[in-house]
Protein backbone atom coordinates (compact mmCIF):
# COMPACT_ATOMS: atom_id res chain seq x y z
CA UNK A 1 0.00 0.00 0.00
CA UNK A 2 1.26 3.46 -0.91
CA UNK A 3 2.59 5.53 2.01
CA UNK A 4 2.63 2.44 4.26
CA UNK A 5 5.86 3.63 5.90
CA UNK A 6 4.24 6.97 6.68
CA UNK A 7 1.24 5.21 8.20
CA UNK A 8 3.40 2.76 10.15
CA UNK A 9 4.63 5.47 12.53
CA UNK A 10 1.17 5.53 14.12
CA UNK A 11 0.45 2.80 16.65
CA UNK A 12 -3.31 3.22 17.04
CA UNK A 13 -5.37 1.68 14.18
CA UNK A 14 -8.04 4.38 14.29
CA UNK A 15 -5.42 7.11 14.13
CA UNK A 16 -3.96 5.34 11.07
CA UNK A 17 -7.44 5.34 9.53
CA UNK A 18 -7.72 9.06 10.24
CA UNK A 19 -4.38 9.64 8.49
CA UNK A 20 -5.46 7.36 5.61
CA UNK A 21 -8.61 9.47 5.21
CA UNK A 22 -6.32 12.45 4.63
CA UNK A 23 -3.35 11.03 2.74
CA UNK A 24 -4.70 8.20 0.60
CA UNK A 25 -4.98 9.10 -3.11
CA UNK A 26 -8.37 10.15 -4.42
CA UNK A 27 -10.24 7.99 -6.92
CA UNK A 28 -11.16 10.83 -9.26
CA UNK A 29 -8.89 12.29 -11.91
CA UNK A 30 -8.41 15.92 -10.86
CA UNK A 31 -7.71 16.99 -14.44
CA UNK A 32 -10.39 14.86 -16.09
CA UNK A 33 -14.13 15.24 -16.55
CA UNK A 34 -14.76 16.09 -12.90
CA UNK A 35 -12.47 19.01 -12.02
CA UNK A 36 -14.52 20.01 -8.95
CA UNK A 37 -12.76 17.46 -6.78
CA UNK A 38 -10.53 17.90 -3.77
CA UNK A 39 -6.83 17.81 -4.62
CA UNK A 40 -4.22 15.68 -2.90
CA UNK A 41 -2.29 18.88 -2.11
CA UNK A 42 -5.26 20.24 -0.16
CA UNK A 43 -5.45 17.03 1.91
CA UNK A 44 -1.69 17.09 2.49
CA UNK A 45 -1.84 20.70 3.73
CA UNK A 46 -4.47 19.74 6.29
CA UNK A 47 -2.39 16.76 7.42
CA UNK A 48 0.74 18.87 7.87
CA UNK A 49 -1.24 21.45 9.83
CA UNK A 50 -2.73 18.82 12.15
CA UNK A 51 0.32 16.56 12.32
CA UNK A 52 1.46 17.67 15.83
CA UNK A 53 -2.06 17.08 17.14
CA UNK A 54 -2.28 13.67 15.37
CA UNK A 55 0.99 12.56 16.96
CA UNK A 56 -0.34 13.51 20.39
CA UNK A 57 -3.58 11.70 19.55
CA UNK A 58 -1.62 8.55 18.75
CA UNK A 59 -0.19 8.58 22.30
CA UNK A 60 -3.65 9.07 23.80
CA UNK A 61 -6.44 8.35 21.27
CA UNK A 62 -9.26 8.71 23.83
CA UNK A 63 -10.65 11.84 22.14
CA UNK A 64 -10.93 10.12 18.77
CA UNK A 65 -12.40 6.94 20.24
CA UNK A 66 -14.98 8.98 22.14
CA UNK A 67 -15.88 10.79 18.91
CA UNK A 68 -16.33 7.51 17.01
CA UNK A 69 -18.67 6.22 19.72
CA UNK A 70 -21.28 8.50 18.15
CA UNK A 71 -21.01 6.66 14.82
CA UNK A 72 -21.73 3.03 15.60
CA UNK A 73 -22.27 1.59 12.14
CA UNK A 74 -20.59 -0.96 9.88
CA UNK A 75 -21.17 1.30 6.89
CA UNK A 76 -17.83 2.50 5.55
CA UNK A 77 -19.32 5.75 4.31
CA UNK A 78 -20.55 6.68 7.78
CA UNK A 79 -17.18 5.88 9.37
CA UNK A 80 -15.32 7.83 6.66
CA UNK A 81 -17.55 10.86 7.21
CA UNK A 82 -16.93 10.52 10.95
CA UNK A 83 -13.18 10.84 10.44
CA UNK A 84 -13.67 13.93 8.30
CA UNK A 85 -16.05 15.42 10.85
CA UNK A 86 -13.34 14.94 13.47
CA UNK A 87 -10.80 16.57 11.16
CA UNK A 88 -13.00 19.62 10.67
CA UNK A 89 -13.61 19.86 14.41
CA UNK A 90 -9.86 20.13 14.93
CA UNK A 91 -9.50 22.65 12.10
CA UNK A 92 -12.09 24.84 13.80
CA UNK A 93 -10.27 24.55 17.13
CA UNK A 94 -7.07 25.45 15.30
CA UNK A 95 -8.84 28.51 13.82
CA UNK A 96 -8.24 27.24 10.28
CA UNK A 97 -11.94 27.85 9.56
CA UNK A 98 -14.76 29.80 11.17
CA UNK A 99 -17.77 27.48 11.18
CA UNK A 100 -18.85 24.18 9.70
CA UNK A 101 -22.07 22.16 9.60
CA UNK A 102 -22.77 18.55 8.60
CA UNK A 103 -25.69 16.76 6.92
CA UNK A 104 -27.70 19.83 5.98
CA UNK A 105 -31.18 18.95 4.74
CA UNK A 106 -32.42 21.18 1.93
CA UNK A 107 -36.19 21.36 1.69
CA UNK A 108 -38.68 23.17 -0.52
CA UNK A 109 -42.33 24.00 -0.01
CA UNK A 110 -44.72 21.96 -2.10
CA UNK A 111 -48.50 22.15 -2.46
CA UNK A 112 -50.47 18.99 -1.88
CA UNK A 113 -52.26 17.76 -5.02
CA UNK A 114 -55.27 16.72 -2.98
CA UNK A 115 -55.62 19.98 -1.11
CA UNK A 116 -54.33 23.02 -2.95
CA UNK A 117 -54.22 25.03 0.24
CA UNK A 118 -52.17 22.41 2.08
CA UNK A 119 -48.44 23.18 2.10
CA UNK A 120 -45.85 20.50 2.84
CA UNK A 121 -42.07 20.27 2.77
CA UNK A 122 -40.27 18.32 0.05
CA UNK A 123 -36.65 17.29 0.63
CA UNK A 124 -34.44 18.22 -2.30
CA UNK A 125 -31.33 16.53 -0.89
CA UNK A 126 -28.63 16.73 1.74
CA UNK A 127 -25.26 18.45 1.78
CA UNK A 128 -22.59 16.38 3.55
CA UNK A 129 -20.54 19.28 4.89
CA UNK A 130 -20.48 23.06 4.52
CA UNK A 131 -17.92 25.37 6.06
CA UNK A 132 -16.89 29.01 6.16
CA UNK A 133 -13.16 29.45 5.73
CA UNK A 134 -11.03 32.23 7.19
CA UNK A 135 -11.54 34.32 4.05
CA UNK A 136 -15.32 34.19 4.60
CA UNK A 137 -15.82 31.88 1.62
CA UNK A 138 -18.58 29.28 1.94
CA UNK A 139 -17.58 25.79 0.75
CA UNK A 140 -19.74 22.73 0.13
CA UNK A 141 -17.97 19.36 0.42
CA UNK A 142 -19.42 15.99 -0.58
CA UNK A 143 -17.57 13.00 0.89
CA UNK A 144 -17.46 9.35 -0.22
CA UNK A 145 -15.28 6.27 0.14
CA UNK A 146 -15.70 3.47 -2.39
CA UNK A 147 -14.16 0.14 -3.39
CA UNK A 148 -14.66 -1.12 -6.95
CA UNK A 149 -13.66 -4.23 -8.88
CA UNK A 150 -12.86 -4.21 -12.59
CA UNK A 151 -15.03 -6.84 -14.25
CA UNK A 152 -13.63 -7.21 -17.79
CA UNK A 153 -16.58 -9.37 -18.88
CA UNK A 154 -19.02 -6.44 -18.59
CA UNK A 155 -19.49 -3.30 -20.68
CA UNK A 156 -19.97 0.39 -19.97
CA UNK A 157 -20.60 1.53 -16.42
CA UNK A 158 -20.98 -2.06 -15.14
CA UNK A 159 -17.24 -2.76 -15.58
CA UNK A 160 -16.30 -1.02 -12.32
CA UNK A 161 -18.64 -2.58 -9.80
CA UNK A 162 -18.86 -2.70 -6.01
CA UNK A 163 -17.79 -5.87 -4.17
CA UNK A 164 -21.38 -6.89 -3.48
CA UNK A 165 -22.69 -6.10 -6.95
CA UNK A 166 -24.93 -3.12 -6.20
CA UNK A 167 -22.84 -0.04 -6.93
CA UNK A 168 -21.00 1.33 -9.97
CA UNK A 169 -18.18 3.86 -10.19
CA UNK A 170 -19.46 5.98 -13.10
CA UNK A 171 -22.95 6.19 -11.63
CA UNK A 172 -21.50 7.32 -8.31
CA UNK A 173 -19.51 10.01 -10.14
CA UNK A 174 -22.62 11.25 -11.90
CA UNK A 175 -24.62 11.28 -8.66
CA UNK A 176 -21.94 13.10 -6.66
CA UNK A 177 -20.82 15.69 -9.22
CA UNK A 178 -24.02 16.20 -11.23
CA UNK A 179 -26.67 15.90 -8.50
CA UNK A 180 -25.25 16.33 -4.99
CA UNK A 181 -22.79 19.18 -5.61
CA UNK A 182 -25.15 21.40 -7.68
CA UNK A 183 -27.62 21.27 -4.77
CA UNK A 184 -25.75 24.16 -3.13
CA UNK A 185 -26.55 26.35 -6.17
CA UNK A 186 -30.31 26.11 -5.64
CA UNK A 187 -32.28 29.00 -4.16
CA UNK A 188 -33.42 26.80 -1.26
CA UNK A 189 -29.82 25.85 -0.42
CA UNK A 190 -28.70 29.48 -0.54
CA UNK A 191 -31.49 30.40 1.85
CA UNK A 192 -30.36 27.65 4.23
CA UNK A 193 -26.70 28.69 3.99
CA UNK A 194 -27.62 32.31 4.62
CA UNK A 195 -29.46 31.20 7.76
CA UNK A 196 -26.58 29.03 8.99
CA UNK A 197 -23.84 31.60 8.43
CA UNK A 198 -25.98 34.65 9.31
CA UNK A 199 -25.75 36.27 5.89
CA UNK A 200 -28.15 37.82 3.41
CA UNK A 201 -29.09 35.45 0.60
CA UNK A 202 -27.49 37.84 -1.90
CA UNK A 203 -24.16 37.41 -0.09
CA UNK A 204 -24.10 33.62 -0.45
CA UNK A 205 -21.49 32.52 -2.98
CA UNK A 206 -20.75 28.83 -2.45
CA UNK A 207 -17.88 26.84 -3.90
CA UNK A 208 -18.35 23.07 -4.05
CA UNK A 209 -15.99 20.10 -4.12
CA UNK A 210 -16.22 16.34 -4.19
CA UNK A 211 -13.92 14.07 -2.16
CA UNK A 212 -13.91 10.38 -3.06
CA UNK A 213 -11.30 7.91 -1.84
CA UNK A 214 -10.99 4.14 -1.87
CA UNK A 215 -9.45 1.41 -4.03
CA UNK A 216 -9.74 -0.27 -7.43
CA UNK A 217 -9.21 -4.04 -7.67
CA UNK A 218 -8.03 -5.74 -10.86
CA UNK A 219 -8.51 -9.44 -11.72
CA UNK A 220 -5.83 -11.61 -10.13
CA UNK A 221 -5.61 -13.45 -13.45
CA UNK A 222 -4.21 -10.32 -15.11
CA UNK A 223 -6.98 -10.10 -17.70
CA UNK A 224 -8.70 -6.85 -18.57
CA UNK A 225 -7.40 -3.31 -18.92
CA UNK A 226 -8.94 0.07 -18.21
CA UNK A 227 -10.67 1.73 -21.14
CA UNK A 228 -9.74 5.24 -22.26
CA UNK A 229 -12.88 6.58 -20.59
CA UNK A 230 -12.03 4.85 -17.30
CA UNK A 231 -8.49 6.19 -17.43
CA UNK A 232 -9.91 9.67 -17.97
CA UNK A 233 -12.18 9.31 -14.90
CA UNK A 234 -9.75 7.60 -12.51
CA UNK A 235 -6.83 9.25 -10.78
CA UNK A 236 -3.44 7.96 -12.00
CA UNK A 237 -2.44 7.61 -8.32
CA UNK A 238 -5.28 5.31 -7.24
CA UNK A 239 -4.69 2.61 -4.67
CA UNK A 240 -5.00 -0.76 -6.36
CA UNK A 241 -5.41 -4.36 -5.31
CA UNK A 242 -6.47 -7.60 -6.97
CA UNK A 243 -9.63 -9.67 -6.79
CA UNK A 244 -10.30 -13.33 -7.27
CA UNK A 245 -12.47 -16.24 -6.17
CA UNK A 246 -11.78 -19.05 -3.75
CA UNK A 247 -10.42 -20.95 -6.76
CA UNK A 248 -7.75 -18.49 -7.86
CA UNK A 249 -7.10 -15.86 -5.16
CA UNK A 250 -3.82 -17.62 -4.27
CA UNK A 251 -2.30 -16.37 -7.53
CA UNK A 252 -1.62 -13.21 -5.52
CA UNK A 253 0.92 -15.17 -3.48
CA UNK A 254 2.30 -17.86 -5.82
CA UNK A 255 5.29 -18.59 -3.60
CA UNK A 256 3.12 -18.77 -0.46
CA UNK A 257 5.71 -16.68 1.37
CA UNK A 258 3.40 -14.04 2.86
CA UNK A 259 1.19 -13.99 5.90
CA UNK A 260 -2.45 -13.03 5.47
CA UNK A 261 -4.96 -11.24 7.65
CA UNK A 262 -8.73 -10.88 7.27
CA UNK A 263 -9.95 -7.28 7.33
CA UNK A 264 -13.26 -6.62 9.04
CA UNK A 265 -15.41 -4.04 7.23
CA UNK A 266 -14.25 -0.97 9.17
CA UNK A 267 -10.64 -2.13 8.84
CA UNK A 268 -10.86 -1.53 5.10
CA UNK A 269 -9.93 2.06 5.96
CA UNK A 270 -6.97 1.07 8.14
CA UNK A 271 -3.47 0.45 6.74
CA UNK A 272 -2.44 -2.74 8.51
CA UNK A 273 0.63 -2.56 10.76
CA UNK A 274 1.42 -5.09 13.50
CA UNK A 275 4.30 -4.27 15.79
CA UNK A 276 6.25 -7.06 17.46
CA UNK A 277 4.51 -6.29 20.75
CA UNK A 278 1.07 -6.93 19.24
CA UNK A 279 -0.70 -9.66 21.20
CA UNK A 280 -2.12 -12.75 19.51
CA UNK A 281 -0.34 -12.39 16.17
CA UNK A 282 -0.37 -16.16 15.65
CA UNK A 283 -4.17 -16.06 15.84
CA UNK A 284 -4.68 -13.46 13.11
CA UNK A 285 -1.81 -14.03 10.65
CA UNK A 286 -2.37 -17.00 8.33
CA UNK A 287 -0.32 -18.80 5.73
CA UNK A 288 -1.84 -18.97 2.24
CA UNK A 289 -2.98 -22.54 2.91
CA UNK A 290 -4.57 -21.59 6.23
CA UNK A 291 -6.28 -18.62 4.59
CA UNK A 292 -7.76 -20.89 1.93
CA UNK A 293 -9.43 -22.98 4.66
CA UNK A 294 -10.73 -19.83 6.33
CA UNK A 295 -12.14 -18.53 3.06
CA UNK A 296 -13.90 -21.82 2.38
CA UNK A 297 -15.57 -21.53 5.77
CA UNK A 298 -16.59 -17.96 5.03
CA UNK A 299 -18.24 -18.75 1.70
CA UNK A 300 -19.94 -21.82 3.16
CA UNK A 301 -21.95 -19.40 5.30
CA UNK A 302 -22.35 -16.34 3.07
CA UNK A 303 -21.78 -14.98 -0.43
CA UNK A 304 -20.56 -11.64 0.82
CA UNK A 305 -17.16 -10.56 -0.49
CA UNK A 306 -14.24 -10.56 1.95
CA UNK A 307 -11.09 -8.42 1.95
CA UNK A 308 -7.73 -9.87 2.97
CA UNK A 309 -4.25 -8.35 3.14
CA UNK A 310 -0.78 -9.83 2.75
CA UNK A 311 1.72 -8.84 5.43
CA UNK A 312 5.52 -8.93 5.25
CA UNK A 313 7.87 -8.58 8.18
CA UNK A 314 10.17 -5.54 8.13
CA UNK A 315 13.36 -6.40 10.01
CA UNK A 316 14.51 -2.80 10.25
CA UNK A 317 11.27 -1.54 11.83
CA UNK A 318 10.51 -4.86 13.56
CA UNK A 319 6.89 -4.92 12.50
CA UNK A 320 4.55 -6.52 9.98
CA UNK A 321 3.58 -4.12 7.17
CA UNK A 322 0.72 -4.45 4.72
CA UNK A 323 1.94 -5.10 1.18
CA UNK A 324 -1.09 -6.12 -0.84
CA UNK A 325 -4.87 -6.42 -0.68
CA UNK A 326 -7.07 -9.03 -2.32
CA UNK A 327 -10.87 -8.91 -2.52
CA UNK A 328 -12.17 -12.49 -2.58
CA UNK A 329 -15.64 -12.87 -4.08
CA UNK A 330 -18.17 -15.66 -4.42
CA UNK A 331 -17.42 -17.98 -7.35
CA UNK A 332 -20.64 -16.83 -9.07
CA UNK A 333 -19.94 -13.12 -8.51
CA UNK A 334 -21.57 -10.90 -9.61
CA UNK A 335 -24.13 -13.18 -11.30
CA UNK A 336 -25.77 -14.20 -7.99
CA UNK A 337 -26.80 -10.58 -7.48
CA UNK A 338 -28.90 -10.55 -10.64
CA UNK A 339 -31.81 -12.37 -9.01
CA UNK A 340 -31.92 -9.77 -6.26
CA UNK A 341 -31.83 -6.97 -8.84
CA UNK A 342 -34.79 -8.52 -10.63
CA UNK A 343 -36.78 -8.44 -7.42
CA UNK A 344 -35.93 -4.98 -6.19
CA UNK A 345 -35.30 -3.38 -9.61
CA UNK A 346 -32.80 -0.62 -9.82
CA UNK A 347 -33.47 2.24 -7.42
CA UNK A 348 -31.52 4.71 -5.33
CA UNK A 349 -33.32 3.48 -2.23
CA UNK A 350 -31.65 0.08 -2.47
CA UNK A 351 -28.97 -0.54 0.21
CA UNK A 352 -25.52 0.62 -0.90
CA UNK A 353 -22.41 -1.53 -0.99
CA UNK A 354 -20.38 0.63 1.36
């Protein structure tokens, strides 16, 4: 994993996830079709500003752990937003911004069709995060973390698909940049922003940005390449892994020299580092053969995809460092999902992958 040595200096896993939320490469090509995206330089500047605080936090992570207690969910998106909420809280304390607000509902008045005189509220959407910087500029930030697998047997937007078959990269791009971000340009949103920041509506001039991080997984067999359109949409610095089934995942470790660990859902955001003092290493680090048995047990009980990471021991630093990630999917993936799609159809209300 890129920057693993930078992450390895932090002992606490949740602090490493916080740093990953800042430093990991974005998924979106900053110079491509979606220029309104957060740059890696912007994230790096925040990290450098907060670095002394983050180092202190690593020695005593109680404040971060207490913060995360308010976000008890296995959804990666909720946890990712929680880290960024914590980051903005510290930026405000550090006087790097004036005010910020999260999950702002934008509503409009609508007349009932049954009773013309009856007025109700219709929700237009939600803004993830808005903040007023030190130059009195209002900014609207949409935040997402996503993991996609390249399926070379599909066409169009279905080639980059979520690990559980219900999410697609290009559709997420369209939703974030063409629907969520323009929300702050509506009259209703400007009225809400004026209320939040105590301004006249005429004074509201909002800039908006999208922030999407995560990983792209390529077939372990080596087949399939990105199309020109996918290259145009994806950042050249993306984090990458491989994906396979129970029958071929081991091609990621042909010499069977690595040690493997299973990543629970929220650990997908955590660069894996195990120091020599870590208790119970023998119980969580598996050989390739042992991991195969564990994967067979997993898919005997469920078809849900599972993420594993290969660890190598670094003699100089005396710790195990993550080197590679493999998403292991059901042998019928993503075909088994089709029956569910036929039942529920395709709708935005369907549960998301992440």
